[in-house]
Amino acid sequence: MPTTPEEIVAHNVKIDESEITLVQFNTPAAGTKTATIKTSMGDIKMVLFPDEAPKAVENFLALAEKGYYNGMSFYEVLPSIRIATGDPDANGSGGESADGELFKDEYSLNLWHFNGAVAMDNGGVPDANGSRFYIVQNSSITNELAEEMLDGGFPEKVVDKYLKAGGVPNYDFKDTVFGQVIEGKDVVEKIAAVARDEQNKPSEDVTITSIEIGTV
């Protein structure tokens, strides 16, 4: 019997929608941790979800607080999909976690790859998370994709939110969502629109100058 979200969707078993709270669209409670990514093109502020993705949030905070991300560039820009950073080698294969060990994926029925979601980039290898992360930039999905999602076992309330907010459901249960952009989506859009080379790397570097940790 499937028990994890990934297994549930893979086996087309209906998820009890009463168990799902789409926390990415809730008003953050006072004291909720935030991170403001200051880039060469503007600031992007996100709220973090330690209850749903404790290890990913802990790791991101540890790296950010020691300045690990400062000076790093966005190594991949895929318009209408995502913008990615967090790799000191700037090629999508480097970086390491705060303790130097790869850590496991964390899936939650409360977190999905909606537009503005912030997620770990494991390079397509399960449980291979380090420092790389990306921001989902896609602002819409097609009705055809929505129908496929429903047929595949995605909860109706999740599909409805994808239709309203956009996102990249292909990444669900593959990468760990740990944050959501609450300010600076215009900056995400600007970065997604820059000129890029054949490897989808910006032709001119877009860099992180610093990351400031705070609270709502």
N, C-alpha and C. Protein backbone atom coordinates (compact mmCIF):
# COMPACT_ATOMS: atom_id res chain seq x y z
N MET A 1 0.84 -1.19 0.00
CA MET A 1 0.00 0.00 0.00
C MET A 1 0.88 1.25 0.00
N PRO A 2 0.68 2.16 -0.95
CA PRO A 2 1.50 3.38 -0.98
C PRO A 2 1.25 4.26 0.24
N THR A 3 2.31 4.85 0.76
CA THR A 3 2.18 5.70 1.95
C THR A 3 2.76 7.09 1.75
N THR A 4 3.84 7.22 1.00
CA THR A 4 4.43 8.53 0.78
C THR A 4 3.67 9.27 -0.31
N PRO A 5 3.74 10.62 -0.34
CA PRO A 5 3.07 11.37 -1.41
C PRO A 5 3.46 10.90 -2.80
N GLU A 6 4.76 10.61 -2.99
CA GLU A 6 5.22 10.16 -4.30
C GLU A 6 4.55 8.84 -4.69
N GLU A 7 4.48 7.90 -3.73
CA GLU A 7 3.87 6.61 -4.01
C GLU A 7 2.37 6.75 -4.25
N ILE A 8 1.74 7.65 -3.49
CA ILE A 8 0.30 7.86 -3.64
C ILE A 8 -0.02 8.32 -5.06
N VAL A 9 0.73 9.33 -5.54
CA VAL A 9 0.49 9.84 -6.89
C VAL A 9 0.84 8.77 -7.92
N ALA A 10 1.95 8.09 -7.74
CA ALA A 10 2.39 7.08 -8.70
C ALA A 10 1.37 5.95 -8.83
N HIS A 11 0.69 5.63 -7.74
CA HIS A 11 -0.27 4.54 -7.77
C HIS A 11 -1.70 5.03 -7.97
N ASN A 12 -1.86 6.33 -8.25
CA ASN A 12 -3.17 6.88 -8.56
C ASN A 12 -4.18 6.59 -7.45
N VAL A 13 -3.76 6.75 -6.21
CA VAL A 13 -4.64 6.59 -5.06
C VAL A 13 -5.10 7.97 -4.62
N LYS A 14 -6.38 8.14 -4.41
CA LYS A 14 -6.90 9.46 -4.08
C LYS A 14 -6.39 9.91 -2.71
N ILE A 15 -5.85 11.12 -2.68
CA ILE A 15 -5.36 11.72 -1.44
C ILE A 15 -6.53 12.38 -0.73
N ASP A 16 -6.60 12.23 0.58
CA ASP A 16 -7.63 12.88 1.38
C ASP A 16 -7.33 14.38 1.42
N GLU A 17 -8.15 15.17 0.73
CA GLU A 17 -7.87 16.60 0.61
C GLU A 17 -7.97 17.33 1.95
N SER A 18 -8.65 16.73 2.92
CA SER A 18 -8.75 17.37 4.24
C SER A 18 -7.40 17.40 4.95
N GLU A 19 -6.46 16.59 4.46
CA GLU A 19 -5.13 16.55 5.06
C GLU A 19 -4.20 17.61 4.49
N ILE A 20 -4.67 18.34 3.47
CA ILE A 20 -3.81 19.28 2.77
C ILE A 20 -4.12 20.72 3.16
N THR A 21 -3.08 21.45 3.55
CA THR A 21 -3.17 22.90 3.77
C THR A 21 -2.14 23.56 2.87
N LEU A 22 -2.59 24.37 1.94
CA LEU A 22 -1.67 25.00 1.00
C LEU A 22 -1.00 26.20 1.67
N VAL A 23 -0.01 25.89 2.50
CA VAL A 23 0.61 26.89 3.36
C VAL A 23 1.33 27.99 2.58
N GLN A 24 1.67 27.71 1.33
CA GLN A 24 2.37 28.72 0.53
C GLN A 24 1.52 29.96 0.27
N PHE A 25 0.20 29.82 0.44
CA PHE A 25 -0.69 30.94 0.17
C PHE A 25 -1.34 31.49 1.43
N ASN A 26 -0.91 30.98 2.59
CA ASN A 26 -1.37 31.53 3.85
C ASN A 26 -0.59 32.79 4.19
N THR A 27 -1.22 33.70 4.94
CA THR A 27 -0.49 34.86 5.45
C THR A 27 0.49 34.38 6.51
N PRO A 28 1.79 34.64 6.35
CA PRO A 28 2.76 34.15 7.33
C PRO A 28 2.47 34.69 8.73
N ALA A 29 2.57 33.82 9.72
CA ALA A 29 2.36 34.23 11.10
C ALA A 29 3.53 35.09 11.58
N ALA A 30 3.26 35.94 12.54
CA ALA A 30 4.31 36.78 13.12
C ALA A 30 5.43 35.89 13.65
N GLY A 31 6.66 36.26 13.33
CA GLY A 31 7.81 35.50 13.78
C GLY A 31 8.29 34.45 12.80
N THR A 32 7.55 34.27 11.70
CA THR A 32 7.96 33.29 10.68
C THR A 32 9.27 33.71 10.04
N LYS A 33 10.19 32.77 9.89
CA LYS A 33 11.50 33.06 9.29
C LYS A 33 11.36 33.45 7.82
N THR A 34 12.14 34.46 7.43
CA THR A 34 12.20 34.88 6.03
C THR A 34 13.65 34.99 5.59
N ALA A 35 13.84 35.00 4.29
CA ALA A 35 15.17 35.22 3.71
C ALA A 35 15.00 36.17 2.53
N THR A 36 15.80 37.22 2.52
CA THR A 36 15.79 38.16 1.40
C THR A 36 17.06 37.96 0.59
N ILE A 37 16.88 37.48 -0.63
CA ILE A 37 18.01 37.25 -1.53
C ILE A 37 18.27 38.54 -2.29
N LYS A 38 19.37 39.18 -1.98
CA LYS A 38 19.74 40.43 -2.64
C LYS A 38 20.58 40.08 -3.87
N THR A 39 20.07 40.42 -5.04
CA THR A 39 20.76 40.09 -6.28
C THR A 39 21.17 41.36 -7.02
N SER A 40 21.96 41.18 -8.04
CA SER A 40 22.40 42.32 -8.86
C SER A 40 21.25 42.91 -9.66
N MET A 41 20.08 42.27 -9.64
CA MET A 41 18.92 42.78 -10.37
C MET A 41 17.76 43.14 -9.44
N GLY A 42 18.00 43.06 -8.12
CA GLY A 42 16.95 43.42 -7.17
C GLY A 42 16.80 42.37 -6.08
N ASP A 43 15.87 42.61 -5.17
CA ASP A 43 15.69 41.75 -4.00
C ASP A 43 14.51 40.79 -4.19
N ILE A 44 14.69 39.58 -3.67
CA ILE A 44 13.65 38.56 -3.68
C ILE A 44 13.48 38.07 -2.24
N LYS A 45 12.29 38.28 -1.68
CA LYS A 45 12.04 37.88 -0.29
C LYS A 45 11.15 36.64 -0.26
N MET A 46 11.56 35.69 0.56
CA MET A 46 10.77 34.46 0.66
C MET A 46 10.53 34.09 2.11
N VAL A 47 9.43 33.38 2.32
CA VAL A 47 9.12 32.82 3.63
C VAL A 47 9.56 31.37 3.62
N LEU A 48 10.00 30.87 4.78
CA LEU A 48 10.53 29.51 4.88
C LEU A 48 9.56 28.60 5.63
N PHE A 49 9.65 27.30 5.36
CA PHE A 49 8.72 26.33 5.93
C PHE A 49 9.45 25.22 6.69
N PRO A 50 9.96 25.53 7.89
CA PRO A 50 10.71 24.52 8.65
C PRO A 50 9.87 23.36 9.14
N ASP A 51 8.56 23.55 9.31
CA ASP A 51 7.72 22.45 9.77
C ASP A 51 7.59 21.37 8.70
N GLU A 52 7.54 21.79 7.43
CA GLU A 52 7.37 20.84 6.34
C GLU A 52 8.69 20.33 5.77
N ALA A 53 9.72 21.16 5.81
CA ALA A 53 11.02 20.78 5.24
C ALA A 53 12.14 21.20 6.19
N PRO A 54 12.20 20.57 7.36
CA PRO A 54 13.14 21.02 8.40
C PRO A 54 14.61 20.99 8.00
N LYS A 55 15.04 19.91 7.36
CA LYS A 55 16.46 19.81 7.01
C LYS A 55 16.83 20.81 5.93
N ALA A 56 15.98 20.96 4.92
CA ALA A 56 16.28 21.90 3.83
C ALA A 56 16.36 23.32 4.36
N VAL A 57 15.44 23.69 5.25
CA VAL A 57 15.46 25.04 5.82
C VAL A 57 16.69 25.23 6.70
N GLU A 58 16.97 24.26 7.56
CA GLU A 58 18.14 24.34 8.43
C GLU A 58 19.41 24.51 7.60
N ASN A 59 19.54 23.74 6.55
CA ASN A 59 20.72 23.80 5.70
C ASN A 59 20.84 25.15 5.00
N PHE A 60 19.72 25.62 4.43
CA PHE A 60 19.74 26.90 3.73
C PHE A 60 20.12 28.03 4.68
N LEU A 61 19.53 28.04 5.87
CA LEU A 61 19.84 29.10 6.84
C LEU A 61 21.31 29.06 7.24
N ALA A 62 21.84 27.87 7.48
CA ALA A 62 23.24 27.75 7.89
C ALA A 62 24.17 28.27 6.80
N LEU A 63 23.89 27.92 5.55
CA LEU A 63 24.73 28.40 4.45
C LEU A 63 24.59 29.90 4.26
N ALA A 64 23.36 30.40 4.31
CA ALA A 64 23.13 31.83 4.10
C ALA A 64 23.78 32.66 5.19
N GLU A 65 23.67 32.20 6.43
CA GLU A 65 24.19 32.98 7.56
C GLU A 65 25.71 33.06 7.56
N LYS A 66 26.38 32.09 6.95
CA LYS A 66 27.85 32.17 6.88
C LYS A 66 28.33 32.78 5.57
N GLY A 67 27.38 33.29 4.76
CA GLY A 67 27.76 33.98 3.53
C GLY A 67 28.13 33.09 2.38
N TYR A 68 27.75 31.81 2.46
CA TYR A 68 28.14 30.84 1.43
C TYR A 68 27.67 31.26 0.04
N TYR A 69 26.46 31.83 -0.04
CA TYR A 69 25.89 32.16 -1.34
C TYR A 69 26.36 33.50 -1.90
N ASN A 70 27.02 34.29 -1.09
CA ASN A 70 27.43 35.62 -1.53
C ASN A 70 28.36 35.54 -2.75
N GLY A 71 28.01 36.26 -3.80
CA GLY A 71 28.82 36.29 -5.00
C GLY A 71 28.49 35.21 -6.02
N MET A 72 27.62 34.28 -5.65
CA MET A 72 27.26 33.22 -6.60
C MET A 72 26.33 33.75 -7.67
N SER A 73 26.43 33.16 -8.84
CA SER A 73 25.59 33.57 -9.97
C SER A 73 24.43 32.60 -10.15
N PHE A 74 23.45 33.03 -10.92
CA PHE A 74 22.38 32.13 -11.36
C PHE A 74 22.94 31.33 -12.53
N TYR A 75 23.08 30.03 -12.34
CA TYR A 75 23.75 29.20 -13.34
C TYR A 75 22.80 28.68 -14.41
N GLU A 76 21.49 28.80 -14.17
CA GLU A 76 20.53 28.31 -15.16
C GLU A 76 19.27 29.15 -15.13
N VAL A 77 18.84 29.56 -16.30
CA VAL A 77 17.58 30.30 -16.46
C VAL A 77 16.76 29.59 -17.52
N LEU A 78 15.63 29.06 -17.10
CA LEU A 78 14.72 28.38 -18.02
C LEU A 78 13.41 29.16 -18.01
N PRO A 79 13.21 30.06 -18.96
CA PRO A 79 12.00 30.89 -18.97
C PRO A 79 10.73 30.04 -18.90
N SER A 80 9.79 30.52 -18.09
CA SER A 80 8.51 29.83 -17.86
C SER A 80 8.69 28.50 -17.14
N ILE A 81 9.87 28.31 -16.53
CA ILE A 81 10.09 27.13 -15.70
C ILE A 81 10.73 27.54 -14.37
N ARG A 82 12.02 27.96 -14.41
CA ARG A 82 12.70 28.25 -13.15
C ARG A 82 13.96 29.06 -13.38
N ILE A 83 14.48 29.64 -12.30
CA ILE A 83 15.81 30.23 -12.27
C ILE A 83 16.57 29.55 -11.13
N ALA A 84 17.83 29.15 -11.38
CA ALA A 84 18.55 28.32 -10.42
C ALA A 84 19.89 28.94 -10.03
N THR A 85 20.27 28.73 -8.76
CA THR A 85 21.52 29.28 -8.24
C THR A 85 22.01 28.37 -7.10
N GLY A 86 23.06 28.82 -6.42
CA GLY A 86 23.57 28.08 -5.27
C GLY A 86 24.71 27.13 -5.58
N ASP A 87 25.32 27.27 -6.76
CA ASP A 87 26.42 26.40 -7.15
C ASP A 87 27.69 27.24 -7.32
N PRO A 88 28.71 27.03 -6.46
CA PRO A 88 29.94 27.81 -6.59
C PRO A 88 30.67 27.56 -7.91
N ASP A 89 30.41 26.41 -8.54
CA ASP A 89 31.02 26.11 -9.83
C ASP A 89 30.22 26.68 -10.99
N ALA A 90 29.01 27.15 -10.70
CA ALA A 90 28.14 27.80 -11.69
C ALA A 90 27.83 26.93 -12.91
N ASN A 91 27.78 25.61 -12.69
CA ASN A 91 27.46 24.73 -13.82
C ASN A 91 26.32 23.76 -13.52
N GLY A 92 25.75 23.86 -12.33
CA GLY A 92 24.62 23.01 -11.98
C GLY A 92 24.98 21.66 -11.41
N SER A 93 26.25 21.45 -11.09
CA SER A 93 26.65 20.15 -10.54
C SER A 93 27.45 20.28 -9.25
N GLY A 94 27.78 21.50 -8.85
CA GLY A 94 28.62 21.69 -7.67
C GLY A 94 27.84 22.06 -6.42
N GLY A 95 28.59 22.48 -5.42
CA GLY A 95 28.01 22.90 -4.16
C GLY A 95 27.96 21.78 -3.14
N GLU A 96 27.80 22.16 -1.87
CA GLU A 96 27.70 21.18 -0.81
C GLU A 96 26.83 21.72 0.32
N SER A 97 26.35 20.84 1.14
CA SER A 97 25.49 21.23 2.26
C SER A 97 26.32 21.87 3.36
N ALA A 98 25.65 22.36 4.39
CA ALA A 98 26.34 23.03 5.49
C ALA A 98 27.28 22.09 6.24
N ASP A 99 26.92 20.80 6.31
CA ASP A 99 27.79 19.85 7.01
C ASP A 99 28.61 18.99 6.06
N GLY A 100 28.53 19.29 4.76
CA GLY A 100 29.32 18.57 3.79
C GLY A 100 28.75 17.25 3.34
N GLU A 101 27.57 16.89 3.87
CA GLU A 101 26.94 15.62 3.51
C GLU A 101 25.66 15.87 2.72
N LEU A 102 25.42 15.08 1.69
CA LEU A 102 24.16 15.17 0.97
C LEU A 102 23.02 14.78 1.91
N PHE A 103 21.87 15.44 1.76
CA PHE A 103 20.75 15.10 2.63
C PHE A 103 19.51 14.73 1.82
N LYS A 104 18.59 14.06 2.51
CA LYS A 104 17.45 13.45 1.84
C LYS A 104 16.40 14.48 1.41
N ASP A 105 15.63 14.08 0.40
CA ASP A 105 14.49 14.88 -0.03
C ASP A 105 13.43 14.87 1.07
N GLU A 106 12.66 15.95 1.14
CA GLU A 106 11.58 16.06 2.10
C GLU A 106 10.31 16.46 1.34
N TYR A 107 9.32 15.59 1.36
CA TYR A 107 8.08 15.86 0.64
C TYR A 107 6.95 16.14 1.63
N SER A 108 6.10 17.07 1.26
CA SER A 108 4.94 17.41 2.09
C SER A 108 3.74 17.64 1.20
N LEU A 109 2.59 17.14 1.62
CA LEU A 109 1.35 17.39 0.88
C LEU A 109 0.92 18.84 0.98
N ASN A 110 1.59 19.61 1.84
CA ASN A 110 1.26 21.03 2.00
C ASN A 110 2.10 21.94 1.10
N LEU A 111 3.12 21.38 0.45
CA LEU A 111 4.03 22.18 -0.37
C LEU A 111 4.11 21.61 -1.79
N TRP A 112 3.93 22.50 -2.76
CA TRP A 112 3.92 22.10 -4.17
C TRP A 112 4.72 23.11 -4.98
N HIS A 113 5.04 22.75 -6.20
CA HIS A 113 5.87 23.62 -7.04
C HIS A 113 5.03 24.68 -7.77
N PHE A 114 4.31 25.45 -6.97
CA PHE A 114 3.55 26.56 -7.53
C PHE A 114 4.50 27.69 -7.94
N ASN A 115 4.00 28.61 -8.74
CA ASN A 115 4.78 29.79 -9.11
C ASN A 115 5.29 30.48 -7.84
N GLY A 116 6.60 30.74 -7.80
CA GLY A 116 7.20 31.38 -6.64
C GLY A 116 7.75 30.43 -5.60
N ALA A 117 7.52 29.13 -5.78
CA ALA A 117 8.08 28.15 -4.84
C ALA A 117 9.60 28.15 -4.93
N VAL A 118 10.25 27.94 -3.79
CA VAL A 118 11.71 27.83 -3.73
C VAL A 118 12.02 26.38 -3.35
N ALA A 119 12.85 25.72 -4.15
CA ALA A 119 13.08 24.29 -3.95
C ALA A 119 14.54 23.93 -4.13
N MET A 120 14.93 22.84 -3.49
CA MET A 120 16.27 22.31 -3.65
C MET A 120 16.43 21.70 -5.04
N ASP A 121 17.63 21.81 -5.59
CA ASP A 121 17.96 21.18 -6.87
C ASP A 121 18.86 19.99 -6.59
N ASN A 122 18.29 18.80 -6.67
CA ASN A 122 19.10 17.60 -6.40
C ASN A 122 19.71 17.01 -7.67
N GLY A 123 19.59 17.75 -8.78
CA GLY A 123 20.19 17.30 -10.02
C GLY A 123 19.56 16.06 -10.60
N GLY A 124 18.32 15.78 -10.18
CA GLY A 124 17.64 14.59 -10.68
C GLY A 124 18.03 13.31 -9.96
N VAL A 125 18.84 13.45 -8.91
CA VAL A 125 19.27 12.28 -8.14
C VAL A 125 18.57 12.32 -6.78
N PRO A 126 17.73 11.35 -6.47
CA PRO A 126 17.02 11.37 -5.18
C PRO A 126 17.98 11.46 -4.00
N ASP A 127 17.59 12.27 -3.01
CA ASP A 127 18.33 12.38 -1.75
C ASP A 127 19.76 12.87 -1.94
N ALA A 128 19.96 13.73 -2.93
CA ALA A 128 21.31 14.26 -3.21
C ALA A 128 21.31 15.78 -3.11
N ASN A 129 20.78 16.30 -2.01
CA ASN A 129 20.68 17.74 -1.83
C ASN A 129 21.92 18.32 -1.17
N GLY A 130 22.33 19.49 -1.65
CA GLY A 130 23.50 20.16 -1.09
C GLY A 130 23.23 21.62 -0.86
N SER A 131 23.59 22.47 -1.84
CA SER A 131 23.39 23.91 -1.70
C SER A 131 22.55 24.51 -2.82
N ARG A 132 22.39 23.80 -3.92
CA ARG A 132 21.71 24.37 -5.08
C ARG A 132 20.21 24.47 -4.84
N PHE A 133 19.63 25.57 -5.32
CA PHE A 133 18.19 25.73 -5.20
C PHE A 133 17.67 26.54 -6.39
N TYR A 134 16.38 26.52 -6.57
CA TYR A 134 15.78 27.27 -7.67
C TYR A 134 14.45 27.88 -7.25
N ILE A 135 14.01 28.85 -8.05
CA ILE A 135 12.72 29.50 -7.85
C ILE A 135 11.85 29.20 -9.07
N VAL A 136 10.66 28.68 -8.82
CA VAL A 136 9.73 28.37 -9.91
C VAL A 136 9.18 29.67 -10.49
N GLN A 137 9.23 29.78 -11.82
CA GLN A 137 8.84 31.03 -12.48
C GLN A 137 7.62 30.89 -13.37
N ASN A 138 7.20 29.69 -13.67
CA ASN A 138 6.07 29.49 -14.58
C ASN A 138 4.77 30.03 -14.00
N SER A 139 4.05 30.85 -14.75
CA SER A 139 2.87 31.53 -14.23
C SER A 139 1.55 30.91 -14.66
N SER A 140 1.58 29.81 -15.41
CA SER A 140 0.33 29.20 -15.84
C SER A 140 0.56 27.75 -16.26
N ILE A 141 -0.51 26.95 -16.19
CA ILE A 141 -0.48 25.61 -16.76
C ILE A 141 -1.69 25.48 -17.69
N THR A 142 -1.64 24.55 -18.59
CA THR A 142 -2.73 24.36 -19.54
C THR A 142 -3.85 23.51 -18.93
N ASN A 143 -5.03 23.63 -19.49
CA ASN A 143 -6.14 22.79 -19.05
C ASN A 143 -5.85 21.32 -19.33
N GLU A 144 -5.12 21.07 -20.41
CA GLU A 144 -4.76 19.70 -20.74
C GLU A 144 -3.87 19.09 -19.66
N LEU A 145 -2.89 19.87 -19.18
CA LEU A 145 -2.02 19.38 -18.12
C LEU A 145 -2.83 19.16 -16.84
N ALA A 146 -3.75 20.07 -16.56
CA ALA A 146 -4.59 19.92 -15.37
C ALA A 146 -5.37 18.61 -15.41
N GLU A 147 -5.90 18.27 -16.57
CA GLU A 147 -6.64 17.02 -16.72
C GLU A 147 -5.73 15.82 -16.49
N GLU A 148 -4.51 15.90 -17.02
CA GLU A 148 -3.55 14.82 -16.82
C GLU A 148 -3.21 14.66 -15.34
N MET A 149 -3.10 15.78 -14.64
CA MET A 149 -2.79 15.74 -13.22
C MET A 149 -3.91 15.07 -12.44
N LEU A 150 -5.14 15.42 -12.75
CA LEU A 150 -6.29 14.80 -12.08
C LEU A 150 -6.32 13.30 -12.35
N ASP A 151 -6.07 12.94 -13.59
CA ASP A 151 -6.04 11.52 -13.95
C ASP A 151 -4.90 10.79 -13.23
N GLY A 152 -3.82 11.52 -12.94
CA GLY A 152 -2.66 10.93 -12.30
C GLY A 152 -2.74 10.88 -10.79
N GLY A 153 -3.84 11.38 -10.21
CA GLY A 153 -4.01 11.28 -8.77
C GLY A 153 -3.73 12.55 -7.99
N PHE A 154 -3.42 13.66 -8.67
CA PHE A 154 -3.22 14.91 -7.95
C PHE A 154 -4.53 15.37 -7.33
N PRO A 155 -4.51 15.88 -6.10
CA PRO A 155 -5.74 16.36 -5.46
C PRO A 155 -6.36 17.52 -6.24
N GLU A 156 -7.68 17.56 -6.27
CA GLU A 156 -8.38 18.59 -7.04
C GLU A 156 -8.04 19.99 -6.56
N LYS A 157 -7.93 20.19 -5.24
CA LYS A 157 -7.63 21.53 -4.73
C LYS A 157 -6.22 21.98 -5.15
N VAL A 158 -5.31 21.04 -5.30
CA VAL A 158 -3.96 21.36 -5.75
C VAL A 158 -3.97 21.73 -7.23
N VAL A 159 -4.69 20.96 -8.03
CA VAL A 159 -4.80 21.25 -9.46
C VAL A 159 -5.46 22.61 -9.67
N ASP A 160 -6.52 22.89 -8.91
CA ASP A 160 -7.20 24.19 -9.02
C ASP A 160 -6.23 25.34 -8.73
N LYS A 161 -5.39 25.15 -7.72
CA LYS A 161 -4.42 26.21 -7.37
C LYS A 161 -3.37 26.35 -8.46
N TYR A 162 -2.95 25.25 -9.06
CA TYR A 162 -2.02 25.34 -10.18
C TYR A 162 -2.63 26.12 -11.34
N LEU A 163 -3.91 25.91 -11.60
CA LEU A 163 -4.58 26.64 -12.68
C LEU A 163 -4.64 28.14 -12.38
N LYS A 164 -4.77 28.50 -11.12
CA LYS A 164 -4.87 29.91 -10.74
C LYS A 164 -3.50 30.57 -10.60
N ALA A 165 -2.54 29.84 -10.05
CA ALA A 165 -1.25 30.44 -9.71
C ALA A 165 -0.13 30.09 -10.67
N GLY A 166 -0.26 28.99 -11.40
CA GLY A 166 0.83 28.52 -12.23
C GLY A 166 1.83 27.70 -11.43
N GLY A 167 2.83 27.19 -12.13
CA GLY A 167 3.85 26.39 -11.47
C GLY A 167 4.36 25.29 -12.38
N VAL A 168 5.15 24.39 -11.80
CA VAL A 168 5.74 23.28 -12.56
C VAL A 168 5.49 21.98 -11.79
N PRO A 169 4.32 21.38 -11.98
CA PRO A 169 3.99 20.16 -11.23
C PRO A 169 4.90 18.99 -11.56
N ASN A 170 5.61 19.04 -12.68
CA ASN A 170 6.55 17.97 -13.03
C ASN A 170 7.60 17.76 -11.95
N TYR A 171 7.88 18.80 -11.16
CA TYR A 171 8.91 18.70 -10.12
C TYR A 171 8.36 18.15 -8.80
N ASP A 172 7.04 18.05 -8.67
CA ASP A 172 6.47 17.58 -7.41
C ASP A 172 6.92 16.16 -7.10
N PHE A 173 7.31 15.94 -5.84
CA PHE A 173 7.79 14.66 -5.35
C PHE A 173 9.10 14.22 -5.99
N LYS A 174 9.80 15.20 -6.57
CA LYS A 174 11.15 14.97 -7.09
C LYS A 174 12.15 15.88 -6.38
N ASP A 175 11.74 17.13 -6.12
CA ASP A 175 12.59 18.10 -5.43
C ASP A 175 11.85 18.62 -4.19
N THR A 176 12.63 19.08 -3.22
CA THR A 176 12.08 19.55 -1.95
C THR A 176 11.75 21.03 -1.99
N VAL A 177 10.48 21.37 -1.83
CA VAL A 177 10.06 22.76 -1.67
C VAL A 177 10.29 23.16 -0.22
N PHE A 178 10.95 24.31 0.00
CA PHE A 178 11.19 24.75 1.38
C PHE A 178 10.89 26.22 1.60
N GLY A 179 10.47 26.93 0.56
CA GLY A 179 10.17 28.36 0.71
C GLY A 179 9.20 28.83 -0.36
N GLN A 180 8.73 30.07 -0.21
CA GLN A 180 7.83 30.68 -1.17
C GLN A 180 8.11 32.17 -1.26
N VAL A 181 8.27 32.68 -2.48
CA VAL A 181 8.52 34.10 -2.68
C VAL A 181 7.28 34.90 -2.27
N ILE A 182 7.48 35.92 -1.43
CA ILE A 182 6.37 36.78 -1.01
C ILE A 182 6.57 38.22 -1.47
N GLU A 183 7.78 38.58 -1.86
CA GLU A 183 8.06 39.89 -2.43
C GLU A 183 9.16 39.72 -3.48
N GLY A 184 9.08 40.51 -4.54
CA GLY A 184 10.14 40.48 -5.55
C GLY A 184 9.90 39.52 -6.69
N LYS A 185 8.63 39.15 -6.93
CA LYS A 185 8.37 38.29 -8.09
C LYS A 185 8.73 39.00 -9.39
N ASP A 186 8.67 40.33 -9.37
CA ASP A 186 9.07 41.07 -10.57
C ASP A 186 10.56 40.88 -10.85
N VAL A 187 11.35 40.72 -9.79
CA VAL A 187 12.78 40.47 -9.96
C VAL A 187 13.01 39.08 -10.55
N VAL A 188 12.24 38.11 -10.07
CA VAL A 188 12.31 36.76 -10.64
C VAL A 188 12.01 36.81 -12.13
N GLU A 189 10.99 37.57 -12.50
CA GLU A 189 10.61 37.70 -13.91
C GLU A 189 11.73 38.36 -14.73
N LYS A 190 12.37 39.37 -14.16
CA LYS A 190 13.46 40.05 -14.86
C LYS A 190 14.64 39.11 -15.10
N ILE A 191 14.97 38.33 -14.07
CA ILE A 191 16.07 37.38 -14.22
C ILE A 191 15.73 36.33 -15.27
N ALA A 192 14.48 35.88 -15.26
CA ALA A 192 14.06 34.86 -16.22
C ALA A 192 14.09 35.36 -17.66
N ALA A 193 14.09 36.68 -17.83
CA ALA A 193 14.03 37.26 -19.18
C ALA A 193 15.39 37.65 -19.73
N VAL A 194 16.48 37.43 -18.99
CA VAL A 194 17.79 37.86 -19.47
C VAL A 194 18.25 36.99 -20.65
N ALA A 195 19.15 37.55 -21.44
CA ALA A 195 19.76 36.77 -22.54
C ALA A 195 20.58 35.63 -21.95
N ARG A 196 20.60 34.50 -22.63
CA ARG A 196 21.31 33.34 -22.11
C ARG A 196 22.01 32.59 -23.24
N ASP A 197 22.98 31.76 -22.85
CA ASP A 197 23.75 31.02 -23.85
C ASP A 197 23.10 29.66 -24.13
N GLU A 198 23.80 28.80 -24.85
CA GLU A 198 23.23 27.51 -25.24
C GLU A 198 23.03 26.58 -24.06
N GLN A 199 23.70 26.86 -22.95
CA GLN A 199 23.53 26.05 -21.73
C GLN A 199 22.50 26.67 -20.78
N ASN A 200 21.78 27.68 -21.27
CA ASN A 200 20.76 28.38 -20.49
C ASN A 200 21.34 29.15 -19.30
N LYS A 201 22.61 29.50 -19.41
CA LYS A 201 23.25 30.34 -18.40
C LYS A 201 23.16 31.79 -18.88
N PRO A 202 22.85 32.74 -17.98
CA PRO A 202 22.79 34.14 -18.39
C PRO A 202 24.07 34.57 -19.10
N SER A 203 23.90 35.30 -20.21
CA SER A 203 25.06 35.78 -20.98
C SER A 203 25.91 36.72 -20.15
N GLU A 204 25.28 37.49 -19.29
CA GLU A 204 25.97 38.34 -18.32
C GLU A 204 25.56 37.88 -16.93
N ASP A 205 26.54 37.74 -16.05
CA ASP A 205 26.27 37.19 -14.72
C ASP A 205 25.19 37.96 -13.97
N VAL A 206 24.27 37.20 -13.40
CA VAL A 206 23.31 37.73 -12.42
C VAL A 206 23.71 37.10 -11.10
N THR A 207 24.09 37.91 -10.13
CA THR A 207 24.70 37.37 -8.91
C THR A 207 23.91 37.68 -7.65
N ILE A 208 24.15 36.84 -6.65
CA ILE A 208 23.64 37.09 -5.30
C ILE A 208 24.70 37.91 -4.57
N THR A 209 24.31 39.07 -4.08
CA THR A 209 25.26 39.87 -3.30
C THR A 209 25.26 39.46 -1.84
N SER A 210 24.07 39.12 -1.31
CA SER A 210 23.96 38.66 0.06
C SER A 210 22.57 38.09 0.29
N ILE A 211 22.41 37.37 1.40
CA ILE A 211 21.09 36.89 1.81
C ILE A 211 20.88 37.32 3.26
N GLU A 212 19.81 38.06 3.50
CA GLU A 212 19.50 38.55 4.83
C GLU A 212 18.38 37.71 5.44
N ILE A 213 18.63 37.19 6.64
CA ILE A 213 17.64 36.38 7.34
C ILE A 213 16.88 37.27 8.32
N GLY A 214 15.57 37.12 8.34
CA GLY A 214 14.75 37.92 9.24
C GLY A 214 13.49 37.17 9.61
N THR A 215 12.49 37.92 10.06
CA THR A 215 11.19 37.34 10.39
C THR A 215 10.09 38.27 9.90
N VAL A 216 8.90 37.70 9.76
CA VAL A 216 7.75 38.50 9.36
C VAL A 216 7.36 39.42 10.51
